[in-house]
Protein backbone atom coordinates (compact mmCIF):
# COMPACT_ATOMS: atom_id res chain seq x y z
CA MET A 1 26.57 -7.69 35.36
CA ARG A 2 25.98 -9.09 31.70
CA PHE A 3 21.87 -10.04 32.46
CA PRO A 4 21.40 -6.34 33.04
CA SER A 5 23.49 -5.45 29.38
CA ALA A 6 21.88 -8.14 27.90
CA LEU A 7 17.97 -6.79 28.89
CA VAL A 8 19.12 -3.74 27.14
CA LEU A 9 20.19 -5.21 24.55
CA VAL A 10 16.95 -6.76 24.02
CA ALA A 11 14.53 -4.12 24.93
CA ALA A 12 16.70 -2.03 21.79
CA VAL A 13 15.88 -4.85 19.11
CA LEU A 14 12.51 -5.13 20.46
CA ALA A 15 12.08 -1.52 20.14
CA VAL A 16 13.16 -1.54 16.50
CA PRO A 17 10.26 -2.70 13.75
CA ALA A 18 10.97 -5.19 12.09
CA PHE A 19 10.24 -5.51 7.94
CA ALA A 20 9.17 -8.06 6.07
CA ALA A 21 11.11 -6.25 3.16
CA GLU A 22 12.63 -2.18 3.37
CA ASP A 23 14.06 -0.31 0.52
CA ALA A 24 16.89 1.15 1.60
CA THR A 25 17.35 3.83 -1.08
CA THR A 26 13.42 5.36 -0.75
CA GLY A 27 12.16 3.71 3.26
CA LEU A 28 9.43 1.88 1.95
CA GLY A 29 9.04 -0.88 4.42
CA VAL A 30 6.21 -3.50 4.55
CA ASN A 31 6.10 -4.58 8.07
CA LEU A 32 3.57 -7.95 8.06
CA PRO A 33 3.25 -11.27 9.97
CA ASP A 34 5.06 -14.48 8.41
CA THR A 35 1.51 -15.44 7.31
CA PHE A 36 2.29 -13.33 4.18
CA VAL A 37 5.44 -13.86 1.97
CA VAL A 38 6.89 -10.23 0.64
CA GLU A 39 9.10 -9.59 -2.15
CA ALA A 40 11.05 -7.23 -4.48
CA SER A 41 9.00 -6.62 -7.52
CA THR A 42 9.42 -5.11 -11.18
CA SER A 43 8.65 -1.54 -10.31
CA PRO A 44 6.23 -0.61 -13.33
CA PRO A 45 6.46 3.38 -14.61
CA PRO A 46 6.28 5.44 -12.58
CA TYR A 47 7.17 3.83 -9.51
CA ASN A 48 10.81 3.90 -8.53
CA VAL A 49 10.46 0.34 -6.02
CA THR A 50 7.38 -2.11 -6.14
CA PHE A 51 7.25 -5.41 -3.47
CA GLY A 52 4.45 -7.64 -4.52
CA VAL A 53 2.43 -9.29 -1.43
CA LYS A 54 1.09 -12.44 -0.82
CA THR A 55 0.08 -15.30 1.76
CA ALA A 56 2.12 -17.91 2.72
CA SER A 57 -0.76 -20.21 3.01
CA GLY A 58 -2.20 -19.28 -0.48
CA ASP A 59 -5.25 -18.35 0.61
CA PRO A 60 -6.16 -16.09 -0.41
CA ALA A 61 -4.94 -16.92 -3.65
CA PRO A 62 -3.69 -13.96 -6.41
CA LEU A 63 -5.92 -13.78 -8.47
CA GLU A 64 -5.84 -16.04 -11.81
CA GLY A 65 -3.09 -14.92 -14.00
CA GLU A 66 -1.58 -12.70 -10.61
CA LYS A 67 1.03 -13.41 -8.99
CA TYR A 68 0.33 -11.54 -5.78
CA LEU A 69 -2.68 -10.20 -4.38
CA CYS A 70 -1.22 -6.84 -3.90
CA GLN A 71 1.91 -4.75 -4.80
CA VAL A 72 3.33 -2.22 -2.72
CA SER A 73 5.09 0.59 -5.19
CA PHE A 74 6.94 4.16 -4.36
CA GLN A 75 7.33 6.66 -6.40
CA ASP A 76 9.51 10.11 -5.86
CA VAL A 77 7.17 13.10 -5.84
CA PRO A 78 10.06 16.12 -5.90
CA ALA A 79 6.46 18.85 -5.19
CA ASN A 80 5.79 17.02 -2.20
CA ALA A 81 9.22 18.20 -1.05
CA GLY A 82 8.85 20.07 2.18
CA LEU A 83 5.39 20.00 3.07
CA SER A 84 4.38 19.19 6.20
CA MET A 85 1.46 16.27 7.67
CA GLU A 86 -1.15 18.27 7.83
CA LYS A 87 -0.90 20.10 4.33
CA ILE A 88 -0.74 17.05 2.64
CA ASN A 89 -3.21 15.47 4.88
CA GLU A 90 -5.76 18.81 4.00
CA GLN A 91 -5.17 18.33 0.40
CA ILE A 92 -5.61 14.72 0.60
CA GLY A 93 -8.61 14.46 2.14
CA SER A 94 -10.32 17.91 -0.21
CA PRO A 95 -13.16 16.99 -2.55
CA GLY A 96 -10.92 18.75 -5.16
CA TRP A 97 -7.94 15.87 -5.00
CA ILE A 98 -10.23 12.68 -5.11
CA ALA A 99 -11.78 14.21 -8.08
CA MET A 100 -8.52 15.29 -9.48
CA ALA A 101 -7.70 11.33 -8.37
CA LYS A 102 -10.89 10.08 -10.23
CA ASP A 103 -10.30 11.71 -13.06
CA GLY A 104 -6.78 10.35 -13.84
CA MET A 105 -8.08 7.10 -13.45
CA SER A 106 -11.51 7.40 -14.60
CA SER A 107 -10.16 6.01 -18.52
CA ILE A 108 -8.71 2.76 -16.85
CA PHE A 109 -11.70 1.71 -14.34
CA ASP A 110 -15.50 2.79 -12.91
CA PHE A 111 -15.23 3.27 -9.95
CA VAL A 112 -17.47 1.16 -7.55
CA SER A 113 -16.83 2.90 -3.99
CA ASP A 114 -13.72 5.23 -2.73
CA ALA A 115 -12.91 6.10 1.34
CA SER A 116 -10.02 7.50 3.67
CA PHE A 117 -8.30 5.84 5.86
CA GLU A 118 -5.32 6.37 8.40
CA LEU A 119 -1.64 5.25 7.49
CA ASP A 120 1.25 6.37 10.34
CA GLY A 121 -0.55 9.16 10.84
CA TYR A 122 -1.00 10.93 6.86
CA LYS A 123 -4.37 10.62 5.45
CA GLY A 124 -4.94 7.86 2.43
CA HIS A 125 -8.10 7.29 0.12
CA GLU A 126 -8.71 3.81 -1.33
CA PHE A 127 -10.93 3.29 -4.07
CA ILE A 128 -12.24 0.11 -5.83
CA GLY A 129 -12.83 -0.04 -8.93
CA MET A 130 -14.13 -2.54 -12.02
CA PRO A 131 -10.94 -2.26 -15.52
CA LYS A 132 -12.57 -1.13 -17.96
CA GLN A 133 -10.64 -4.03 -20.15
CA LYS A 134 -12.79 -6.42 -22.25
CA ASN A 135 -13.26 -9.72 -19.99
CA ALA A 136 -12.55 -7.71 -16.64
CA GLU A 137 -15.77 -7.25 -15.53
CA HIS A 138 -15.14 -10.05 -12.65
CA VAL A 139 -12.27 -7.93 -11.44
CA ARG A 140 -12.19 -5.59 -8.74
CA LEU A 141 -8.87 -3.40 -7.93
CA VAL A 142 -8.44 -1.75 -4.98
CA LEU A 143 -6.46 1.14 -4.78
CA SER A 144 -5.01 2.52 -1.22
CA MET A 145 -3.14 5.63 -1.76
CA VAL A 146 -1.02 7.99 0.21
CA GLU A 147 0.82 11.05 -0.45
CA THR A 148 3.86 11.95 2.16
CA ALA A 149 7.11 14.57 1.51
CA LYS A 150 8.82 12.11 -0.21
CA GLY A 151 6.31 11.18 -2.29
CA ARG A 152 3.48 8.38 -3.43
CA THR A 153 2.52 5.31 -1.83
CA ALA A 154 0.09 2.80 -3.89
CA ILE A 155 -0.55 -0.03 -2.56
CA SER A 156 -2.80 -1.63 -5.32
CA CYS A 157 -4.87 -5.24 -4.73
CA VAL A 158 -6.64 -7.76 -7.11
CA THR A 159 -9.70 -10.01 -6.74
CA ASP A 160 -12.96 -11.27 -8.10
CA ALA A 161 -16.02 -9.22 -7.47
CA ASP A 162 -17.89 -12.51 -5.56
CA GLY A 163 -14.44 -12.32 -3.54
CA LEU A 164 -14.11 -8.41 -2.20
CA GLU A 165 -15.85 -8.74 0.81
CA ALA A 166 -14.29 -11.29 1.95
CA VAL A 167 -11.24 -10.08 1.02
CA LEU A 168 -10.87 -6.85 1.96
CA PRO A 169 -9.90 -7.95 5.18
CA THR A 170 -6.67 -9.00 4.10
CA PHE A 171 -5.55 -6.36 1.76
CA HIS A 172 -6.29 -3.74 4.02
CA ALA A 173 -3.98 -5.64 6.65
CA ILE A 174 -0.80 -5.48 4.20
CA ARG A 175 -2.03 -1.65 3.54
CA ASP A 176 -2.01 -1.13 7.27
CA GLY A 177 1.37 -3.08 7.06
CA VAL A 178 3.75 -0.59 5.07
CA THR A 179 5.12 2.55 6.14
CA PRO A 180 5.43 5.40 3.66
CA PRO A 181 8.99 7.06 3.09
CA MET A 182 8.50 9.93 5.09
């Protein structure tokens, strides 16, 4: 009789998603294979929690001067409470929301491109930009944002312009391994 109960236990363990990192307070999770390193990191305002992500091999390497390839952050947004997934997706996919987001970031960087994506059933938006600060012309920021009823999850990744196309699949793998708080 022990064998069947052991199978039930193994099946139960396999059914639960394993997180490389999870914040118990907010529910933000980052679930990536062991080819990545996920570490708790200092949260820049206005974010409540942040994880830094880099490859275990160091390839691709973070941009010079950076510790991580990407940072995954969550900000509590009380105004989202009570909104359904459908309502949030409608807002995030709207031209008005995209224009508002771009307007809010236009003082920080010039936009190179933007595109929508989906994460756990929620629509998100990815912005690629060039920072406006002096001597940052070679830098590209890839910022992916997802809104849920709990708040905003942002995945920000940086690289140099020449390596952007080669590293985008890695950035997208990191983004796709995020579980936003719901």
